[in-house]
Protein backbone atom coordinates (compact mmCIF):
# COMPACT_ATOMS: atom_id res chain seq x y z
CA MET A 1 -36.78 19.70 28.29
CA PHE A 2 -37.21 21.87 31.37
CA GLU A 3 -34.03 22.13 33.46
CA ARG A 4 -32.59 24.60 35.91
CA GLU A 5 -30.52 25.03 39.04
CA VAL A 6 -32.78 25.39 42.05
CA THR A 7 -32.55 25.89 45.80
CA VAL A 8 -34.00 23.44 48.30
CA THR A 9 -34.71 24.79 51.77
CA THR A 10 -33.61 22.47 54.58
CA LYS A 11 -33.48 22.84 58.36
CA TYR A 12 -29.74 23.53 57.97
CA GLY A 13 -29.97 26.15 55.22
CA ALA A 14 -30.20 26.54 51.46
CA MET A 15 -29.11 23.49 49.45
CA PRO A 16 -28.29 23.93 45.74
CA ALA A 17 -29.78 21.33 43.41
CA PHE A 18 -30.41 20.59 39.75
CA ALA A 19 -33.90 19.82 38.47
CA ALA A 20 -34.96 18.41 35.12
CA CYS A 21 -38.22 17.16 33.67
CA PRO A 22 -39.95 16.82 30.30
CA ASP A 23 -41.53 19.80 28.60
CA GLY A 24 -45.29 19.95 28.83
CA THR A 25 -48.01 20.78 31.29
CA ALA A 26 -48.85 17.33 32.66
CA PRO A 27 -47.17 16.62 36.02
CA VAL A 28 -44.78 13.67 36.15
CA PRO A 29 -43.57 11.38 38.98
CA PRO A 30 -40.52 12.50 40.96
CA VAL A 31 -37.16 10.74 41.33
CA ILE A 32 -34.35 11.95 43.61
CA LEU A 33 -30.81 11.23 42.37
CA TYR A 34 -28.41 11.12 45.32
CA MET A 35 -24.82 11.86 44.34
CA ASP A 36 -21.72 9.71 44.80
CA ALA A 37 -18.57 10.84 46.61
CA PRO A 38 -17.11 13.05 43.82
CA GLY A 39 -20.16 15.23 44.28
CA TYR A 40 -22.36 17.47 42.19
CA ARG A 41 -21.07 17.68 38.59
CA GLU A 42 -22.16 17.69 34.96
CA GLU A 43 -21.90 13.90 34.72
CA LEU A 44 -24.66 13.59 37.32
CA CYS A 45 -26.69 16.36 35.68
CA ASN A 46 -26.59 14.31 32.49
CA MET A 47 -27.93 11.32 34.43
CA ALA A 48 -30.72 13.54 35.74
CA ARG A 49 -31.50 14.60 32.17
CA ARG A 50 -31.67 10.97 31.11
CA ILE A 51 -34.15 10.23 33.89
CA ALA A 52 -36.19 13.28 32.88
CA LYS A 53 -36.30 12.20 29.23
CA MET A 54 -38.02 9.02 30.36
CA GLY A 55 -40.87 11.03 31.82
CA PHE A 56 -39.85 11.84 35.39
CA PHE A 57 -39.04 14.96 37.40
CA CYS A 58 -35.48 14.39 38.60
CA LEU A 59 -33.98 16.31 41.51
CA LEU A 60 -30.20 16.14 42.03
CA PRO A 61 -29.24 17.71 45.38
CA ASP A 62 -25.76 18.94 46.33
CA LEU A 63 -25.37 17.08 49.60
CA TYR A 64 -22.08 18.83 50.44
CA TYR A 65 -23.78 22.22 50.84
CA ARG A 66 -23.03 22.39 54.58
CA ILE A 67 -19.29 22.67 53.94
CA GLY A 68 -19.39 24.98 50.92
CA ARG A 69 -19.66 24.83 47.16
CA LEU A 70 -17.41 21.91 46.26
CA ARG A 71 -16.77 21.17 42.58
CA PHE A 72 -14.17 18.53 41.76
CA ASP A 73 -12.46 18.27 38.35
CA ILE A 74 -12.67 14.47 38.31
CA PRO A 75 -10.64 13.84 35.11
CA ARG A 76 -7.69 15.48 36.90
CA ARG A 77 -8.19 13.51 40.10
CA ASN A 78 -5.00 12.78 42.02
CA ASP A 79 -4.11 11.64 45.54
CA ALA A 80 -4.55 15.14 47.00
CA MET A 81 -8.02 15.50 45.48
CA SER A 82 -8.96 12.06 46.75
CA VAL A 83 -8.11 13.12 50.29
CA VAL A 84 -10.47 16.09 50.00
CA ILE A 85 -13.23 13.95 48.50
CA ARG A 86 -12.94 11.43 51.33
CA GLY A 87 -13.11 14.25 53.85
CA ALA A 88 -16.24 15.64 52.22
CA MET A 89 -17.81 12.18 52.11
CA THR A 90 -17.21 11.57 55.81
CA SER A 91 -18.88 14.90 56.63
CA LEU A 92 -22.23 13.35 55.70
CA THR A 93 -24.36 11.25 58.04
CA ASN A 94 -27.44 9.12 57.52
CA THR A 95 -29.37 11.39 59.88
CA GLY A 96 -28.26 14.58 58.15
CA VAL A 97 -29.14 13.35 54.67
CA ALA A 98 -32.46 12.03 55.94
CA ASP A 99 -33.21 15.45 57.40
CA ASP A 100 -32.24 17.06 54.08
CA THR A 101 -34.62 14.68 52.33
CA GLY A 102 -37.49 16.19 54.26
CA GLY A 103 -36.67 19.47 52.54
CA MET A 104 -36.42 17.75 49.17
CA LEU A 105 -39.85 16.20 49.58
CA ALA A 106 -41.31 19.57 50.54
CA PHE A 107 -39.68 21.12 47.46
CA LEU A 108 -41.11 18.42 45.19
CA ASP A 109 -44.57 18.78 46.74
CA ALA A 110 -44.53 22.48 45.85
CA GLN A 111 -43.74 21.96 42.15
CA GLU A 112 -46.58 22.14 39.64
CA ARG A 113 -44.61 19.89 37.30
CA VAL A 114 -44.44 17.11 39.90
CA LYS A 115 -47.22 14.56 40.14
CA PRO A 116 -48.45 14.22 43.75
CA GLY A 117 -47.92 10.85 45.35
CA PRO A 118 -45.10 8.31 45.48
CA VAL A 119 -41.43 9.20 45.10
CA GLY A 120 -38.51 7.13 43.82
CA CYS A 121 -34.79 7.51 44.43
CA VAL A 122 -31.43 6.15 43.36
CA GLY A 123 -27.98 6.51 44.90
CA HIS A 124 -24.52 5.40 43.82
CA CYS A 125 -21.62 4.36 46.06
CA MET A 126 -21.73 6.46 49.26
CA SER A 127 -25.42 7.18 48.78
CA GLY A 128 -26.43 3.52 48.93
CA CYS A 129 -26.79 3.89 52.68
CA PHE A 130 -28.76 7.12 52.26
CA VAL A 131 -31.43 5.72 49.93
CA VAL A 132 -32.11 2.81 52.28
CA THR A 133 -32.26 5.21 55.23
CA VAL A 134 -34.80 7.52 53.59
CA ALA A 135 -36.86 4.55 52.36
CA GLY A 136 -37.28 3.67 56.03
CA ARG A 137 -37.54 7.18 57.47
CA TYR A 138 -40.12 8.30 54.88
CA ALA A 139 -41.74 4.95 54.23
CA SER A 140 -45.08 6.45 53.29
CA ARG A 141 -43.47 8.53 50.51
CA PHE A 142 -40.85 6.34 48.87
CA ALA A 143 -42.43 3.70 46.66
CA SER A 144 -39.01 2.55 45.53
CA ALA A 145 -35.32 3.07 46.24
CA ALA A 146 -32.30 1.84 44.30
CA ALA A 147 -28.69 1.51 45.44
CA LEU A 148 -25.94 0.89 42.89
CA TYR A 149 -22.75 -0.56 44.38
CA GLY A 150 -23.84 1.10 47.61
CA ILE A 151 -21.61 1.14 50.66
CA GLY A 152 -22.41 1.26 54.37
CA ILE A 153 -25.82 -0.37 54.07
CA VAL A 154 -25.05 -2.97 56.73
CA THR A 155 -22.81 -1.84 59.58
CA ASP A 156 -22.43 -2.45 63.31
CA GLN A 157 -23.47 1.12 64.14
CA PRO A 158 -26.82 2.09 65.69
CA ASP A 159 -27.74 4.09 62.56
CA SER A 160 -27.09 1.21 60.17
CA PRO A 161 -29.63 1.51 57.34
CA HIS A 162 -30.49 -2.19 57.36
CA LEU A 163 -32.05 -1.73 60.80
CA LEU A 164 -34.79 0.34 59.14
CA LEU A 165 -35.86 -2.46 56.81
CA PRO A 166 -38.87 -3.38 59.00
CA GLN A 167 -40.24 0.13 58.31
CA VAL A 168 -39.74 0.07 54.52
CA LYS A 169 -42.97 -0.19 52.53
CA GLY A 170 -41.59 0.38 49.04
CA GLU A 171 -39.60 -1.84 46.70
CA LEU A 172 -35.80 -1.87 46.98
CA TYR A 173 -33.29 -2.55 44.21
CA PHE A 174 -29.62 -3.36 44.77
CA ALA A 175 -26.98 -3.88 42.09
CA PHE A 176 -23.48 -4.63 43.35
CA ALA A 177 -20.27 -4.93 41.35
CA GLU A 178 -18.61 -8.32 41.16
CA VAL A 179 -15.26 -6.76 42.15
CA ASP A 180 -15.60 -4.07 44.80
CA PRO A 181 -13.11 -3.59 47.66
CA ALA A 182 -15.53 -1.08 49.22
CA VAL A 183 -18.28 -3.69 49.67
CA PRO A 184 -17.23 -6.89 51.48
CA ALA A 185 -18.98 -10.05 50.29
CA GLN A 186 -20.23 -10.62 53.82
CA ALA A 187 -22.05 -7.27 53.73
CA ILE A 188 -24.03 -8.43 50.71
CA ALA A 189 -24.84 -11.74 52.38
CA ASP A 190 -25.94 -9.96 55.56
CA LEU A 191 -28.12 -7.56 53.57
CA LYS A 192 -29.77 -10.42 51.70
CA ALA A 193 -30.50 -12.20 54.98
CA ALA A 194 -32.01 -9.04 56.50
CA LEU A 195 -34.19 -8.40 53.45
CA GLU A 196 -35.51 -11.94 53.51
CA LYS A 197 -36.03 -11.89 57.27
CA HIS A 198 -38.25 -8.83 57.10
CA GLY A 199 -40.00 -9.80 53.89
CA THR A 200 -38.92 -6.61 52.13
CA LYS A 201 -39.84 -6.56 48.46
CA HIS A 202 -36.52 -6.34 46.66
CA THR A 203 -34.15 -7.23 43.87
CA LEU A 204 -30.54 -7.91 44.85
CA LYS A 205 -27.95 -8.82 42.26
CA VAL A 206 -24.20 -8.96 41.81
CA VAL A 207 -23.46 -7.95 38.23
CA PRO A 208 -20.89 -10.29 36.63
CA GLY A 209 -17.78 -8.79 35.08
CA THR A 210 -18.11 -5.41 36.76
CA HIS A 211 -16.08 -3.22 39.11
CA HIS A 212 -17.16 -0.43 41.45
CA GLY A 213 -18.29 2.52 39.33
CA PHE A 214 -19.41 0.50 36.32
CA GLN A 215 -22.41 2.82 35.77
CA PHE A 216 -20.33 5.94 35.02
CA SER A 217 -19.19 6.38 31.43
CA ALA A 218 -16.28 8.64 32.44
CA ARG A 219 -14.74 5.99 34.68
CA PRO A 220 -12.12 3.44 33.64
CA ASP A 221 -14.38 0.74 35.10
CA PHE A 222 -17.35 1.67 32.90
CA GLU A 223 -19.09 -1.43 31.60
CA PRO A 224 -21.54 -0.36 28.86
CA LYS A 225 -23.66 -3.50 28.65
CA ALA A 226 -24.05 -3.77 32.42
CA ALA A 227 -24.74 -0.06 32.71
CA GLU A 228 -27.47 -0.11 30.08
CA ALA A 229 -29.06 -3.22 31.57
CA THR A 230 -29.09 -1.51 34.96
CA TRP A 231 -30.70 1.61 33.48
CA ASP A 232 -33.40 -0.59 31.96
CA GLU A 233 -34.10 -2.18 35.34
CA LEU A 234 -34.23 1.20 37.06
CA PHE A 235 -36.78 2.51 34.58
CA ASP A 236 -38.82 -0.67 34.92
CA LEU A 237 -38.77 -0.18 38.70
CA TRP A 238 -39.99 3.42 38.47
CA GLU A 239 -42.62 2.61 35.86
CA ARG A 240 -44.28 0.02 38.08
CA THR A 241 -43.93 1.89 41.37
CA LEU A 242 -44.45 5.55 40.44
CA ARG A 243 -46.96 5.66 37.59
């Protein structure tokens, strides 16, 4: 497998990222993996490798690059670390990440190993709002976008991602946890209503027996069967939208 740390040029500066794809000379479709709040780490790099092994070029950007090189030792997480993580998370905006995505797309377009054409993306937790935002902002590029227990997708703010649904051309996938204090039940109902109102092609599900973070094997709330089933659905989504 080809893998390396790379630099993505954005309008705000140089953004570190991790890239992985299969060995070989044939270009493969691209997938952007947007990080969750604990940030860039080996656990996410391993997810990128898994995506690459299935025949995709995966780009994992470090979205916190504006405020420095943050690396959290998550197994040792305590209240003080959580305060810093929340501060880093709130430094991001839908507009800023959408602008950064323009740089990511330019980076992907310049790679010989990347197949020209449609792009896919997936985001966990805090990045749920980002993947919906970029699916609307770059509708002609994103053939699919997936949000796993995503937060902030429906808000009362003028930059709420759900307001961009009329612009989305690709297929959206949402998997929410059954128990998730960060995602009110009403937010899921409102999202479902908005998707149906605008006729957006989508899958929206609440996964029984799961808690927020069920996709991460290092978390106490890891649910192996649900995680593997979700991986299968993600790969099915990318196979039909990116090949």
